[in-house]
Amino acid sequence: MLTIEGLLRQLALLPYLAKVGLVVMAISGLADVMAHLEAHPIELVGQPHVHTSFEASAHLGGFVSMVLILLGVVVDGVRRSRAHRQAVEHQQKGVA
């Protein structure tokens, strides 16, 4: 069952960069919603939509957040793999 405590426990296990990425994603997601909810002038049919700097910044924030989350997961995976490899090498030296 999904509970707040269980969700917080799972969030605590995330790598630091992934946590930062989630915060950035939440902020940029709210900014993106606000940007798209603000009133736009009526556009003529066939005319391209020009994004405001606020919309572009919100989209850039979403992209940056995804990169941070992915980078956090990859760095954590490499660190765990390296630690596991060193533990195995240490055990093998002890056996030999």
PDB file of N, CA and C in Angstrom:
ATOM      1  N   MET A   1       0.847  -1.167   0.000  1.00  0.00           N
ATOM      2  CA  MET A   1       0.000   0.000   0.000  1.00  0.00           C
ATOM      3  C   MET A   1       0.901   1.240   0.000  1.00  0.00           C
ATOM      4  N   LEU A   2       0.484   2.210  -0.784  1.00  0.00           N
ATOM      5  CA  LEU A   2       1.239   3.450  -0.886  1.00  0.00           C
ATOM      6  C   LEU A   2       0.864   4.376   0.261  1.00  0.00           C
ATOM      7  N   THR A   3       1.851   4.715   1.057  1.00  0.00           N
ATOM      8  CA  THR A   3       1.619   5.631   2.165  1.00  0.00           C
ATOM      9  C   THR A   3       2.624   6.768   2.063  1.00  0.00           C
ATOM     10  N   ILE A   4       2.352   7.830   2.774  1.00  0.00           N
ATOM     11  CA  ILE A   4       3.270   8.963   2.793  1.00  0.00           C
ATOM     12  C   ILE A   4       4.608   8.544   3.390  1.00  0.00           C
ATOM     13  N   GLU A   5       4.563   7.745   4.457  1.00  0.00           N
ATOM     14  CA  GLU A   5       5.807   7.300   5.087  1.00  0.00           C
ATOM     15  C   GLU A   5       6.624   6.433   4.129  1.00  0.00           C
ATOM     16  N   GLY A   6       5.956   5.545   3.422  1.00  0.00           N
ATOM     17  CA  GLY A   6       6.652   4.694   2.463  1.00  0.00           C
ATOM     18  C   GLY A   6       7.250   5.495   1.324  1.00  0.00           C
ATOM     19  N   LEU A   7       6.518   6.494   0.861  1.00  0.00           N
ATOM     20  CA  LEU A   7       7.020   7.351  -0.202  1.00  0.00           C
ATOM     21  C   LEU A   7       8.229   8.150   0.264  1.00  0.00           C
ATOM     22  N   LEU A   8       8.177   8.665   1.482  1.00  0.00           N
ATOM     23  CA  LEU A   8       9.317   9.415   2.027  1.00  0.00           C
ATOM     24  C   LEU A   8      10.530   8.521   2.220  1.00  0.00           C
ATOM     25  N   ARG A   9      10.299   7.256   2.615  1.00  0.00           N
ATOM     26  CA  ARG A   9      11.407   6.309   2.758  1.00  0.00           C
ATOM     27  C   ARG A   9      12.068   6.052   1.404  1.00  0.00           C
ATOM     28  N   GLN A  10      11.241   5.903   0.362  1.00  0.00           N
ATOM     29  CA  GLN A  10      11.782   5.673  -0.973  1.00  0.00           C
ATOM     30  C   GLN A  10      12.543   6.899  -1.488  1.00  0.00           C
ATOM     31  N   LEU A  11      12.020   8.094  -1.199  1.00  0.00           N
ATOM     32  CA  LEU A  11      12.696   9.319  -1.616  1.00  0.00           C
ATOM     33  C   LEU A  11      14.035   9.483  -0.915  1.00  0.00           C
ATOM     34  N   ALA A  12      14.117   9.024   0.328  1.00  0.00           N
ATOM     35  CA  ALA A  12      15.371   9.137   1.077  1.00  0.00           C
ATOM     36  C   ALA A  12      16.467   8.275   0.453  1.00  0.00           C
ATOM     37  N   LEU A  13      16.097   7.225  -0.272  1.00  0.00           N
ATOM     38  CA  LEU A  13      17.076   6.328  -0.886  1.00  0.00           C
ATOM     39  C   LEU A  13      17.619   6.868  -2.207  1.00  0.00           C
ATOM     40  N   LEU A  14      16.990   7.909  -2.755  1.00  0.00           N
ATOM     41  CA  LEU A  14      17.436   8.446  -4.035  1.00  0.00           C
ATOM     42  C   LEU A  14      18.793   9.137  -3.902  1.00  0.00           C
ATOM     43  N   PRO A  15      19.584   9.094  -4.965  1.00  0.00           N
ATOM     44  CA  PRO A  15      20.850   9.834  -4.954  1.00  0.00           C
ATOM     45  C   PRO A  15      20.592  11.341  -4.832  1.00  0.00           C
ATOM     46  N   TYR A  16      21.582  12.064  -4.320  1.00  0.00           N
ATOM     47  CA  TYR A  16      21.442  13.497  -4.060  1.00  0.00           C
ATOM     48  C   TYR A  16      21.080  14.270  -5.329  1.00  0.00           C
ATOM     49  N   LEU A  17      21.789  14.009  -6.440  1.00  0.00           N
ATOM     50  CA  LEU A  17      21.503  14.729  -7.680  1.00  0.00           C
ATOM     51  C   LEU A  17      20.097  14.450  -8.188  1.00  0.00           C
ATOM     52  N   ALA A  18      19.603  13.242  -7.984  1.00  0.00           N
ATOM     53  CA  ALA A  18      18.242  12.923  -8.404  1.00  0.00           C
ATOM     54  C   ALA A  18      17.226  13.701  -7.564  1.00  0.00           C
ATOM     55  N   LYS A  19      17.516  13.877  -6.281  1.00  0.00           N
ATOM     56  CA  LYS A  19      16.627  14.677  -5.424  1.00  0.00           C
ATOM     57  C   LYS A  19      16.599  16.124  -5.887  1.00  0.00           C
ATOM     58  N   VAL A  20      17.777  16.663  -6.203  1.00  0.00           N
ATOM     59  CA  VAL A  20      17.850  18.039  -6.711  1.00  0.00           C
ATOM     60  C   VAL A  20      17.071  18.142  -8.023  1.00  0.00           C
ATOM     61  N   GLY A  21      17.215  17.142  -8.882  1.00  0.00           N
ATOM     62  CA  GLY A  21      16.494  17.122 -10.154  1.00  0.00           C
ATOM     63  C   GLY A  21      14.990  17.091  -9.961  1.00  0.00           C
ATOM     64  N   LEU A  22      14.518  16.351  -8.966  1.00  0.00           N
ATOM     65  CA  LEU A  22      13.079  16.311  -8.695  1.00  0.00           C
ATOM     66  C   LEU A  22      12.554  17.664  -8.219  1.00  0.00           C
ATOM     67  N   VAL A  23      13.338  18.340  -7.401  1.00  0.00           N
ATOM     68  CA  VAL A  23      12.929  19.675  -6.940  1.00  0.00           C
ATOM     69  C   VAL A  23      12.881  20.636  -8.118  1.00  0.00           C
ATOM     70  N   VAL A  24      13.917  20.598  -8.965  1.00  0.00           N
ATOM     71  CA  VAL A  24      13.943  21.465 -10.141  1.00  0.00           C
ATOM     72  C   VAL A  24      12.775  21.132 -11.068  1.00  0.00           C
ATOM     73  N   MET A  25      12.437  19.847 -11.206  1.00  0.00           N
ATOM     74  CA  MET A  25      11.325  19.442 -12.060  1.00  0.00           C
ATOM     75  C   MET A  25       9.995  19.963 -11.517  1.00  0.00           C
ATOM     76  N   ALA A  26       9.821  19.906 -10.212  1.00  0.00           N
ATOM     77  CA  ALA A  26       8.577  20.409  -9.622  1.00  0.00           C
ATOM     78  C   ALA A  26       8.446  21.917  -9.847  1.00  0.00           C
ATOM     79  N   ILE A  27       9.527  22.643  -9.633  1.00  0.00           N
ATOM     80  CA  ILE A  27       9.487  24.094  -9.816  1.00  0.00           C
ATOM     81  C   ILE A  27       9.261  24.448 -11.286  1.00  0.00           C
ATOM     82  N   SER A  28       9.993  23.801 -12.179  1.00  0.00           N
ATOM     83  CA  SER A  28       9.834  24.124 -13.599  1.00  0.00           C
ATOM     84  C   SER A  28       8.487  23.643 -14.127  1.00  0.00           C
ATOM     85  N   GLY A  29       7.958  22.572 -13.569  1.00  0.00           N
ATOM     86  CA  GLY A  29       6.630  22.120 -13.972  1.00  0.00           C
ATOM     87  C   GLY A  29       5.562  23.127 -13.592  1.00  0.00           C
ATOM     88  N   LEU A  30       5.650  23.661 -12.391  1.00  0.00           N
ATOM     89  CA  LEU A  30       4.700  24.702 -11.978  1.00  0.00           C
ATOM     90  C   LEU A  30       4.859  25.953 -12.834  1.00  0.00           C
ATOM     91  N   ALA A  31       6.097  26.317 -13.129  1.00  0.00           N
ATOM     92  CA  ALA A  31       6.335  27.485 -13.978  1.00  0.00           C
ATOM     93  C   ALA A  31       5.779  27.258 -15.383  1.00  0.00           C
ATOM     94  N   ASP A  32       5.911  26.031 -15.881  1.00  0.00           N
ATOM     95  CA  ASP A  32       5.402  25.704 -17.210  1.00  0.00           C
ATOM     96  C   ASP A  32       3.878  25.806 -17.257  1.00  0.00           C
ATOM     97  N   VAL A  33       3.228  25.287 -16.233  1.00  0.00           N
ATOM     98  CA  VAL A  33       1.766  25.381 -16.167  1.00  0.00           C
ATOM     99  C   VAL A  33       1.342  26.840 -16.102  1.00  0.00           C
ATOM    100  N   MET A  34       2.016  27.625 -15.285  1.00  0.00           N
ATOM    101  CA  MET A  34       1.681  29.048 -15.176  1.00  0.00           C
ATOM    102  C   MET A  34       1.901  29.762 -16.516  1.00  0.00           C
ATOM    103  N   ALA A  35       2.978  29.412 -17.209  1.00  0.00           N
ATOM    104  CA  ALA A  35       3.274  30.058 -18.489  1.00  0.00           C
ATOM    105  C   ALA A  35       2.204  29.743 -19.523  1.00  0.00           C
ATOM    106  N   HIS A  36       1.722  28.513 -19.536  1.00  0.00           N
ATOM    107  CA  HIS A  36       0.723  28.132 -20.526  1.00  0.00           C
ATOM    108  C   HIS A  36      -0.682  28.591 -20.143  1.00  0.00           C
ATOM    109  N   LEU A  37      -0.897  28.886 -18.892  1.00  0.00           N
ATOM    110  CA  LEU A  37      -2.207  29.382 -18.472  1.00  0.00           C
ATOM    111  C   LEU A  37      -2.366  30.879 -18.678  1.00  0.00           C
ATOM    112  N   GLU A  38      -1.250  31.598 -18.771  1.00  0.00           N
ATOM    113  CA  GLU A  38      -1.371  33.040 -18.956  1.00  0.00           C
ATOM    114  C   GLU A  38      -1.977  33.314 -20.338  1.00  0.00           C
ATOM    115  N   ALA A  39      -2.729  34.378 -20.418  1.00  0.00           N
ATOM    116  CA  ALA A  39      -3.454  34.695 -21.650  1.00  0.00           C
ATOM    117  C   ALA A  39      -2.498  35.087 -22.772  1.00  0.00           C
ATOM    118  N   HIS A  40      -2.721  34.510 -23.936  1.00  0.00           N
ATOM    119  CA  HIS A  40      -1.948  34.845 -25.124  1.00  0.00           C
ATOM    120  C   HIS A  40      -2.816  35.699 -26.040  1.00  0.00           C
ATOM    121  N   PRO A  41      -2.208  36.590 -26.771  1.00  0.00           N
ATOM    122  CA  PRO A  41      -3.005  37.312 -27.753  1.00  0.00           C
ATOM    123  C   PRO A  41      -3.520  36.349 -28.821  1.00  0.00           C
ATOM    124  N   ILE A  42      -4.607  36.691 -29.427  1.00  0.00           N
ATOM    125  CA  ILE A  42      -5.186  35.816 -30.449  1.00  0.00           C
ATOM    126  C   ILE A  42      -4.209  35.711 -31.614  1.00  0.00           C
ATOM    127  N   GLU A  43      -3.919  34.480 -31.983  1.00  0.00           N
ATOM    128  CA  GLU A  43      -2.968  34.246 -33.059  1.00  0.00           C
ATOM    129  C   GLU A  43      -3.718  34.001 -34.356  1.00  0.00           C
ATOM    130  N   LEU A  44      -3.173  34.468 -35.440  1.00  0.00           N
ATOM    131  CA  LEU A  44      -3.775  34.250 -36.742  1.00  0.00           C
ATOM    132  C   LEU A  44      -3.510  32.825 -37.191  1.00  0.00           C
ATOM    133  N   VAL A  45      -4.448  32.281 -37.935  1.00  0.00           N
ATOM    134  CA  VAL A  45      -4.290  30.920 -38.444  1.00  0.00           C
ATOM    135  C   VAL A  45      -3.091  30.899 -39.393  1.00  0.00           C
ATOM    136  N   GLY A  46      -2.250  29.924 -39.218  1.00  0.00           N
ATOM    137  CA  GLY A  46      -1.076  29.781 -40.063  1.00  0.00           C
ATOM    138  C   GLY A  46       0.145  30.513 -39.544  1.00  0.00           C
ATOM    139  N   GLN A  47      -0.013  31.328 -38.521  1.00  0.00           N
ATOM    140  CA  GLN A  47       1.121  32.031 -37.949  1.00  0.00           C
ATOM    141  C   GLN A  47       1.748  31.161 -36.862  1.00  0.00           C
ATOM    142  N   PRO A  48       3.065  31.032 -36.852  1.00  0.00           N
ATOM    143  CA  PRO A  48       3.702  30.193 -35.821  1.00  0.00           C
ATOM    144  C   PRO A  48       3.568  30.833 -34.434  1.00  0.00           C
ATOM    145  N   HIS A  49       3.449  29.965 -33.433  1.00  0.00           N
ATOM    146  CA  HIS A  49       3.381  30.436 -32.048  1.00  0.00           C
ATOM    147  C   HIS A  49       4.793  30.804 -31.605  1.00  0.00           C
ATOM    148  N   VAL A  50       4.950  31.979 -31.067  1.00  0.00           N
ATOM    149  CA  VAL A  50       6.245  32.421 -30.562  1.00  0.00           C
ATOM    150  C   VAL A  50       6.224  32.277 -29.043  1.00  0.00           C
ATOM    151  N   HIS A  51       7.134  31.456 -28.533  1.00  0.00           N
ATOM    152  CA  HIS A  51       7.209  31.243 -27.092  1.00  0.00           C
ATOM    153  C   HIS A  51       7.792  32.472 -26.407  1.00  0.00           C
ATOM    154  N   THR A  52       7.230  32.789 -25.262  1.00  0.00           N
ATOM    155  CA  THR A  52       7.789  33.872 -24.462  1.00  0.00           C
ATOM    156  C   THR A  52       9.035  33.365 -23.753  1.00  0.00           C
ATOM    157  N   SER A  53       9.802  34.283 -23.207  1.00  0.00           N
ATOM    158  CA  SER A  53      11.015  33.864 -22.497  1.00  0.00           C
ATOM    159  C   SER A  53      10.655  33.068 -21.242  1.00  0.00           C
ATOM    160  N   PHE A  54       9.492  33.349 -20.637  1.00  0.00           N
ATOM    161  CA  PHE A  54       9.050  32.601 -19.458  1.00  0.00           C
ATOM    162  C   PHE A  54       8.748  31.149 -19.826  1.00  0.00           C
ATOM    163  N   GLU A  55       8.074  30.944 -20.972  1.00  0.00           N
ATOM    164  CA  GLU A  55       7.792  29.580 -21.426  1.00  0.00           C
ATOM    165  C   GLU A  55       9.079  28.840 -21.751  1.00  0.00           C
ATOM    166  N   ALA A  56       9.978  29.516 -22.445  1.00  0.00           N
ATOM    167  CA  ALA A  56      11.251  28.883 -22.814  1.00  0.00           C
ATOM    168  C   ALA A  56      12.066  28.531 -21.572  1.00  0.00           C
ATOM    169  N   SER A  57      12.049  29.404 -20.579  1.00  0.00           N
ATOM    170  CA  SER A  57      12.783  29.128 -19.338  1.00  0.00           C
ATOM    171  C   SER A  57      12.189  27.933 -18.603  1.00  0.00           C
ATOM    172  N   ALA A  58      10.859  27.837 -18.587  1.00  0.00           N
ATOM    173  CA  ALA A  58      10.208  26.713 -17.928  1.00  0.00           C
ATOM    174  C   ALA A  58      10.550  25.403 -18.634  1.00  0.00           C
ATOM    175  N   HIS A  59      10.562  25.421 -19.965  1.00  0.00           N
ATOM    176  CA  HIS A  59      10.914  24.211 -20.711  1.00  0.00           C
ATOM    177  C   HIS A  59      12.380  23.840 -20.490  1.00  0.00           C
ATOM    178  N   LEU A  60      13.238  24.839 -20.459  1.00  0.00           N
ATOM    179  CA  LEU A  60      14.660  24.587 -20.197  1.00  0.00           C
ATOM    180  C   LEU A  60      14.852  23.996 -18.794  1.00  0.00           C
ATOM    181  N   GLY A  61      14.098  24.507 -17.819  1.00  0.00           N
ATOM    182  CA  GLY A  61      14.161  23.957 -16.466  1.00  0.00           C
ATOM    183  C   GLY A  61      13.751  22.493 -16.426  1.00  0.00           C
ATOM    184  N   GLY A  62      12.729  22.137 -17.203  1.00  0.00           N
ATOM    185  CA  GLY A  62      12.315  20.729 -17.282  1.00  0.00           C
ATOM    186  C   GLY A  62      13.405  19.860 -17.875  1.00  0.00           C
ATOM    187  N   PHE A  63      14.056  20.360 -18.920  1.00  0.00           N
ATOM    188  CA  PHE A  63      15.146  19.609 -19.535  1.00  0.00           C
ATOM    189  C   PHE A  63      16.312  19.437 -18.566  1.00  0.00           C
ATOM    190  N   VAL A  64      16.679  20.520 -17.897  1.00  0.00           N
ATOM    191  CA  VAL A  64      17.786  20.462 -16.927  1.00  0.00           C
ATOM    192  C   VAL A  64      17.456  19.482 -15.804  1.00  0.00           C
ATOM    193  N   SER A  65      16.211  19.474 -15.348  1.00  0.00           N
ATOM    194  CA  SER A  65      15.828  18.558 -14.267  1.00  0.00           C
ATOM    195  C   SER A  65      15.975  17.100 -14.702  1.00  0.00           C
ATOM    196  N   MET A  66      15.596  16.798 -15.942  1.00  0.00           N
ATOM    197  CA  MET A  66      15.736  15.416 -16.430  1.00  0.00           C
ATOM    198  C   MET A  66      17.203  15.012 -16.516  1.00  0.00           C
ATOM    199  N   VAL A  67      18.053  15.944 -16.948  1.00  0.00           N
ATOM    200  CA  VAL A  67      19.488  15.658 -17.015  1.00  0.00           C
ATOM    201  C   VAL A  67      20.043  15.412 -15.611  1.00  0.00           C
ATOM    202  N   LEU A  68      19.627  16.230 -14.634  1.00  0.00           N
ATOM    203  CA  LEU A  68      20.103  16.053 -13.259  1.00  0.00           C
ATOM    204  C   LEU A  68      19.677  14.699 -12.694  1.00  0.00           C
ATOM    205  N   ILE A  69      18.432  14.321 -12.926  1.00  0.00           N
ATOM    206  CA  ILE A  69      17.946  13.030 -12.416  1.00  0.00           C
ATOM    207  C   ILE A  69      18.737  11.885 -13.045  1.00  0.00           C
ATOM    208  N   LEU A  70      18.902  11.931 -14.361  1.00  0.00           N
ATOM    209  CA  LEU A  70      19.644  10.872 -15.048  1.00  0.00           C
ATOM    210  C   LEU A  70      21.100  10.835 -14.594  1.00  0.00           C
ATOM    211  N   LEU A  71      21.708  11.989 -14.462  1.00  0.00           N
ATOM    212  CA  LEU A  71      23.088  12.053 -14.002  1.00  0.00           C
ATOM    213  C   LEU A  71      23.223  11.501 -12.586  1.00  0.00           C
ATOM    214  N   GLY A  72      22.274  11.817 -11.717  1.00  0.00           N
ATOM    215  CA  GLY A  72      22.303  11.293 -10.355  1.00  0.00           C
ATOM    216  C   GLY A  72      22.204   9.780 -10.318  1.00  0.00           C
ATOM    217  N   VAL A  73      21.335   9.215 -11.149  1.00  0.00           N
ATOM    218  CA  VAL A  73      21.173   7.757 -11.179  1.00  0.00           C
ATOM    219  C   VAL A  73      22.426   7.094 -11.737  1.00  0.00           C
ATOM    220  N   VAL A  74      22.995   7.659 -12.809  1.00  0.00           N
ATOM    221  CA  VAL A  74      24.193   7.066 -13.421  1.00  0.00           C
ATOM    222  C   VAL A  74      25.383   7.139 -12.470  1.00  0.00           C
ATOM    223  N   VAL A  75      25.597   8.300 -11.855  1.00  0.00           N
ATOM    224  CA  VAL A  75      26.725   8.450 -10.924  1.00  0.00           C
ATOM    225  C   VAL A  75      26.578   7.494  -9.746  1.00  0.00           C
ATOM    226  N   ASP A  76      25.370   7.354  -9.232  1.00  0.00           N
ATOM    227  CA  ASP A  76      25.140   6.435  -8.119  1.00  0.00           C
ATOM    228  C   ASP A  76      25.397   4.991  -8.549  1.00  0.00           C
ATOM    229  N   GLY A  77      24.965   4.635  -9.751  1.00  0.00           N
ATOM    230  CA  GLY A  77      25.201   3.278 -10.253  1.00  0.00           C
ATOM    231  C   GLY A  77      26.672   2.978 -10.429  1.00  0.00           C
ATOM    232  N   VAL A  78      27.419   3.942 -10.955  1.00  0.00           N
ATOM    233  CA  VAL A  78      28.869   3.754 -11.128  1.00  0.00           C
ATOM    234  C   VAL A  78      29.541   3.622  -9.769  1.00  0.00           C
ATOM    235  N   ARG A  79      29.144   4.459  -8.813  1.00  0.00           N
ATOM    236  CA  ARG A  79      29.746   4.408  -7.479  1.00  0.00           C
ATOM    237  C   ARG A  79      29.466   3.058  -6.806  1.00  0.00           C
ATOM    238  N   ARG A  80      28.221   2.580  -6.913  1.00  0.00           N
ATOM    239  CA  ARG A  80      27.888   1.288  -6.299  1.00  0.00           C
ATOM    240  C   ARG A  80      28.613   0.139  -6.983  1.00  0.00           C
ATOM    241  N   SER A  81      28.727   0.206  -8.306  1.00  0.00           N
ATOM    242  CA  SER A  81      29.426  -0.839  -9.055  1.00  0.00           C
ATOM    243  C   SER A  81      30.899  -0.880  -8.664  1.00  0.00           C
ATOM    244  N   ARG A  82      31.504   0.283  -8.525  1.00  0.00           N
ATOM    245  CA  ARG A  82      32.916   0.361  -8.145  1.00  0.00           C
ATOM    246  C   ARG A  82      33.114  -0.187  -6.721  1.00  0.00           C
ATOM    247  N   ALA A  83      32.216   0.171  -5.815  1.00  0.00           N
ATOM    248  CA  ALA A  83      32.328  -0.316  -4.437  1.00  0.00           C
ATOM    249  C   ALA A  83      32.150  -1.836  -4.389  1.00  0.00           C
ATOM    250  N   HIS A  84      31.221  -2.353  -5.191  1.00  0.00           N
ATOM    251  CA  HIS A  84      30.998  -3.806  -5.220  1.00  0.00           C
ATOM    252  C   HIS A  84      32.228  -4.519  -5.786  1.00  0.00           C
ATOM    253  N   ARG A  85      32.798  -3.959  -6.849  1.00  0.00           N
ATOM    254  CA  ARG A  85      33.977  -4.553  -7.463  1.00  0.00           C
ATOM    255  C   ARG A  85      35.145  -4.579  -6.479  1.00  0.00           C
ATOM    256  N   GLN A  86      35.332  -3.487  -5.718  1.00  0.00           N
ATOM    257  CA  GLN A  86      36.414  -3.438  -4.736  1.00  0.00           C
ATOM    258  C   GLN A  86      36.176  -4.437  -3.612  1.00  0.00           C
ATOM    259  N   ALA A  87      34.922  -4.621  -3.198  1.00  0.00           N
ATOM    260  CA  ALA A  87      34.620  -5.592  -2.142  1.00  0.00           C
ATOM    261  C   ALA A  87      34.914  -7.007  -2.617  1.00  0.00           C
ATOM    262  N   VAL A  88      34.572  -7.301  -3.865  1.00  0.00           N
ATOM    263  CA  VAL A  88      34.847  -8.638  -4.413  1.00  0.00           C
ATOM    264  C   VAL A  88      36.346  -8.865  -4.511  1.00  0.00           C
ATOM    265  N   GLU A  89      37.098  -7.872  -4.973  1.00  0.00           N
ATOM    266  CA  GLU A  89      38.555  -8.004  -5.073  1.00  0.00           C
ATOM    267  C   GLU A  89      39.177  -8.202  -3.690  1.00  0.00           C
ATOM    268  N   HIS A  90      38.653  -7.501  -2.690  1.00  0.00           N
ATOM    269  CA  HIS A  90      39.162  -7.635  -1.326  1.00  0.00           C
ATOM    270  C   HIS A  90      38.902  -9.044  -0.794  1.00  0.00           C
ATOM    271  N   GLN A  91      37.728  -9.591  -1.077  1.00  0.00           N
ATOM    272  CA  GLN A  91      37.409 -10.956  -0.640  1.00  0.00           C
ATOM    273  C   GLN A  91      38.310 -11.972  -1.339  1.00  0.00           C
ATOM    274  N   GLN A  92      38.567 -11.755  -2.628  1.00  0.00           N
ATOM    275  CA  GLN A  92      39.400 -12.686  -3.373  1.00  0.00           C
ATOM    276  C   GLN A  92      40.842 -12.666  -2.855  1.00  0.00           C
ATOM    277  N   LYS A  93      41.327 -11.514  -2.453  1.00  0.00           N
ATOM    278  CA  LYS A  93      42.681 -11.430  -1.898  1.00  0.00           C
ATOM    279  C   LYS A  93      42.747 -12.140  -0.560  1.00  0.00           C
ATOM    280  N   GLY A  94      41.680 -12.085   0.208  1.00  0.00           N
ATOM    281  CA  GLY A  94      41.644 -12.748   1.508  1.00  0.00           C
ATOM    282  C   GLY A  94      41.607 -14.271   1.383  1.00  0.00           C
ATOM    283  N   VAL A  95      40.976 -14.749   0.297  1.00  0.00           N
ATOM    284  CA  VAL A  95      40.868 -16.200   0.089  1.00  0.00           C
ATOM    285  C   VAL A  95      42.179 -16.756  -0.441  1.00  0.00           C
ATOM    286  N   ALA A  96      42.870 -16.032  -1.286  1.00  0.00           N
ATOM    287  CA  ALA A  96      44.091 -16.537  -1.923  1.00  0.00           C
ATOM    288  C   ALA A  96      45.248 -16.636  -0.997  1.00  0.00           C
TER     289      ALA A  96
END
